[in-house]
Amino acid sequence: MRAYYFDNLPGDQHLPHDSGRAVPLDALPALGVLYWPIPLDGPEGWEKTINAIADDRHYSSRDVIVANRQSLGDAYDDKMAMFFHEHIHEDEEIRYMLDGSGFFDVREHPTDAWIRCHLHAGDMIILPAGIYHRFSLDEREHARTLRLFKDEPRWEAHYRGPETDRNRYRVEYLKTLPAVGAGA
């Protein structure tokens, strides 16, 4: 995975939008974002590592989602727009990329800058409940992703706005952050 500041230029969300300003991966935990490189062909097998993380963090269910034009059909454009609309969740968002690639953009606090995390097969990311973020496939327009959940699989977005800014999960998330950003 690579992380960098999003360039904020208009254009296709599937393009890199790389500002040229890298964000060190060890800066992401200050935002509550966790990352593991877990090779699909590792000697111990990726499932063993994923299962250990799931046990440690109390994830009890999982599923696999495929996002591409073929799998989503006529709903593709609407789904991609929905995922790219800035939002929070009231649960952690846990994703392990099995195939393909995509971008998770997370808001840095307090700067409100976008940090773009480019994930490829073998990358695992955990976004904390309450962090503003969005997702987009990259120019390959394909990802097969393992999703893990603490309870039953669900995806409920709370889109950015005054009401979401007061959401208790957003408020609790902000309390966990240090006073400075990841390096803006």
Protein backbone atom coordinates (compact mmCIF):
# COMPACT_ATOMS: atom_id res chain seq x y z
CA MET A 1 0.00 0.00 0.00
CA ARG A 2 1.06 3.54 -0.73
CA ALA A 3 -0.35 6.56 1.06
CA TYR A 4 -0.13 10.14 -0.15
CA TYR A 5 -2.05 13.40 -0.10
CA PHE A 6 -4.81 13.57 -2.71
CA ASP A 7 -4.21 16.39 -5.21
CA ASN A 8 -7.81 17.73 -5.04
CA LEU A 9 -7.81 18.36 -8.79
CA PRO A 10 -11.05 17.67 -10.63
CA GLY A 11 -11.14 14.54 -12.72
CA ASP A 12 -11.84 10.84 -12.77
CA GLN A 13 -11.87 9.37 -9.25
CA HIS A 14 -10.30 6.17 -10.62
CA LEU A 15 -7.04 8.00 -11.44
CA PRO A 16 -4.23 8.27 -8.85
CA HIS A 17 -4.62 11.99 -8.04
CA ASP A 18 -1.14 11.82 -6.51
CA SER A 19 0.01 15.21 -5.18
CA GLY A 20 3.60 13.96 -4.92
CA ARG A 21 3.44 14.36 -1.13
CA ALA A 22 3.86 10.92 0.43
CA VAL A 23 2.36 10.02 3.80
CA PRO A 24 4.50 7.53 5.75
CA LEU A 25 2.54 4.40 6.61
CA ASP A 26 3.64 4.74 10.23
CA ALA A 27 1.73 8.07 10.38
CA LEU A 28 -1.64 6.41 9.71
CA PRO A 29 -2.15 4.94 13.22
CA ALA A 30 -2.31 8.51 14.57
CA LEU A 31 -5.57 8.73 12.60
CA GLY A 32 -6.70 5.33 13.86
CA VAL A 33 -6.02 3.71 10.47
CA LEU A 34 -4.33 0.32 10.73
CA TYR A 35 -2.53 -1.48 7.90
CA TRP A 36 -1.02 -4.93 7.42
CA PRO A 37 0.75 -6.31 4.35
CA ILE A 38 -0.39 -9.95 4.23
CA PRO A 39 0.93 -11.68 1.10
CA LEU A 40 -1.59 -13.97 -0.54
CA ASP A 41 1.16 -16.53 -1.19
CA GLY A 42 2.93 -16.19 2.17
CA PRO A 43 4.51 -19.30 3.73
CA GLU A 44 1.91 -19.53 6.50
CA GLY A 45 -1.02 -18.62 4.28
CA TRP A 46 -2.98 -15.41 4.45
CA GLU A 47 -5.98 -17.10 6.10
CA LYS A 48 -4.00 -17.89 9.26
CA THR A 49 -2.94 -14.25 9.66
CA ILE A 50 -6.44 -12.92 8.90
CA ASN A 51 -7.96 -15.38 11.39
CA ALA A 52 -5.51 -14.27 14.10
CA ILE A 53 -6.38 -10.60 13.51
CA ALA A 54 -10.11 -11.45 13.45
CA ASP A 55 -9.82 -13.35 16.75
CA ASP A 56 -7.79 -10.58 18.38
CA ARG A 57 -10.25 -7.85 17.30
CA HIS A 58 -13.41 -9.94 17.84
CA TYR A 59 -14.58 -10.07 14.23
CA SER A 60 -17.21 -12.80 14.06
CA SER A 61 -18.36 -12.76 10.43
CA ARG A 62 -17.04 -12.12 6.96
CA ASP A 63 -17.94 -12.13 3.32
CA VAL A 64 -16.31 -11.50 -0.04
CA ILE A 65 -17.47 -8.74 -2.34
CA VAL A 66 -16.51 -8.28 -5.98
CA ALA A 67 -16.67 -4.76 -7.36
CA ASN A 68 -16.40 -4.36 -11.12
CA ARG A 69 -18.68 -3.59 -14.04
CA GLN A 70 -19.44 -7.25 -14.70
CA SER A 71 -20.42 -8.13 -11.12
CA LEU A 72 -22.44 -4.95 -10.44
CA GLY A 73 -23.98 -4.61 -13.90
CA ASP A 74 -26.27 -1.61 -14.35
CA ALA A 75 -25.78 -0.66 -10.68
CA TYR A 76 -22.00 -0.10 -11.13
CA ASP A 77 -22.02 3.68 -11.59
CA ASP A 78 -24.51 4.25 -8.75
CA LYS A 79 -22.55 1.97 -6.37
CA MET A 80 -19.24 3.66 -7.18
CA ALA A 81 -20.81 7.10 -6.61
CA MET A 82 -22.26 5.90 -3.28
CA PHE A 83 -18.90 4.51 -2.10
CA PHE A 84 -17.10 7.72 -3.15
CA HIS A 85 -19.52 10.01 -1.30
CA GLU A 86 -17.76 11.07 1.92
CA HIS A 87 -19.16 9.21 4.93
CA ILE A 88 -18.52 7.51 8.27
CA HIS A 89 -19.61 4.18 9.71
CA GLU A 90 -20.52 3.35 13.29
CA ASP A 91 -18.34 0.24 13.06
CA GLU A 92 -14.78 -0.32 11.92
CA GLU A 93 -14.40 -0.87 8.19
CA ILE A 94 -12.12 -3.89 7.70
CA ARG A 95 -10.98 -4.84 4.22
CA TYR A 96 -8.44 -7.33 2.88
CA MET A 97 -7.76 -7.04 -0.84
CA LEU A 98 -7.80 -10.51 -2.42
CA ASP A 99 -7.52 -9.40 -6.04
CA GLY A 100 -7.42 -6.11 -7.88
CA SER A 101 -6.87 -2.70 -6.32
CA GLY A 102 -8.55 0.45 -5.14
CA PHE A 103 -8.32 3.63 -3.11
CA PHE A 104 -9.47 4.38 0.41
CA ASP A 105 -9.35 8.13 1.00
CA VAL A 106 -9.37 9.18 4.66
CA ARG A 107 -9.66 12.65 6.14
CA GLU A 108 -6.66 13.85 8.08
CA HIS A 109 -7.51 15.72 11.25
CA PRO A 110 -7.29 18.62 11.95
CA THR A 111 -6.27 19.68 8.40
CA ASP A 112 -9.25 17.98 6.70
CA ALA A 113 -6.89 17.01 3.85
CA TRP A 114 -7.56 13.77 1.99
CA ILE A 115 -4.98 11.03 2.40
CA ARG A 116 -5.26 8.48 -0.39
CA CYS A 117 -4.36 4.88 0.47
CA HIS A 118 -3.80 2.77 -2.66
CA LEU A 119 -4.41 -0.89 -1.80
CA HIS A 120 -3.46 -3.92 -3.87
CA ALA A 121 -3.93 -7.66 -3.43
CA GLY A 122 -2.44 -8.66 -0.06
CA ASP A 123 -3.15 -5.34 1.69
CA MET A 124 -5.39 -5.16 4.75
CA ILE A 125 -6.74 -1.91 6.15
CA ILE A 126 -8.91 -1.08 9.14
CA LEU A 127 -10.65 2.27 9.30
CA PRO A 128 -11.94 3.27 12.73
CA ALA A 129 -15.60 3.99 13.38
CA GLY A 130 -16.23 7.72 12.94
CA ILE A 131 -13.48 8.56 10.41
CA TYR A 132 -14.63 10.40 7.29
CA HIS A 133 -13.60 8.38 4.26
CA ARG A 134 -14.58 7.22 0.79
CA PHE A 135 -13.66 4.40 -1.58
CA SER A 136 -12.99 4.15 -5.29
CA LEU A 137 -11.68 1.49 -7.57
CA ASP A 138 -8.58 2.56 -9.46
CA GLU A 139 -8.28 2.64 -13.26
CA ARG A 140 -8.37 -1.20 -13.39
CA GLU A 141 -11.96 -1.02 -12.09
CA HIS A 142 -11.77 -4.38 -10.28
CA ALA A 143 -11.44 -5.50 -6.68
CA ARG A 144 -12.31 -8.71 -4.86
CA THR A 145 -12.27 -7.91 -1.17
CA LEU A 146 -12.72 -9.85 2.05
CA ARG A 147 -14.86 -7.83 4.47
CA LEU A 148 -14.79 -8.62 8.19
CA PHE A 149 -17.40 -7.58 10.75
CA LYS A 150 -17.86 -7.66 14.50
CA ASP A 151 -21.49 -8.68 13.99
CA GLU A 152 -23.57 -9.52 10.94
CA PRO A 153 -22.35 -8.11 7.60
CA ARG A 154 -23.78 -4.67 6.93
CA TRP A 155 -22.76 -1.42 5.28
CA GLU A 156 -24.50 1.66 6.64
CA ALA A 157 -23.10 5.05 5.67
CA HIS A 158 -23.67 8.36 7.44
CA TYR A 159 -22.86 11.03 4.88
CA ARG A 160 -20.94 14.13 5.93
CA GLY A 161 -23.02 16.96 7.31
CA PRO A 162 -23.88 18.71 10.59
CA GLU A 163 -25.90 15.76 11.89
CA THR A 164 -23.07 13.30 11.19
CA ASP A 165 -20.57 15.70 12.77
CA ARG A 166 -22.61 15.26 15.98
CA ASN A 167 -22.89 11.47 15.60
CA ARG A 168 -21.59 9.88 18.82
CA TYR A 169 -19.16 7.63 16.90
CA ARG A 170 -17.72 10.68 15.13
CA VAL A 171 -17.42 12.58 18.42
CA GLU A 172 -15.75 9.58 20.14
CA TYR A 173 -13.36 9.17 17.19
CA LEU A 174 -12.26 12.81 17.42
CA LYS A 175 -11.49 12.35 21.13
CA THR A 176 -8.94 9.65 20.23
CA LEU A 177 -6.87 11.91 17.97
CA PRO A 178 -3.72 13.83 18.82
CA ALA A 179 -3.77 17.59 18.28
CA VAL A 180 -1.54 17.45 15.15
CA GLY A 181 -2.01 15.86 11.71
CA ALA A 182 -0.03 13.12 9.99
CA GLY A 183 2.40 15.56 8.44
CA ALA A 184 0.57 18.09 6.28
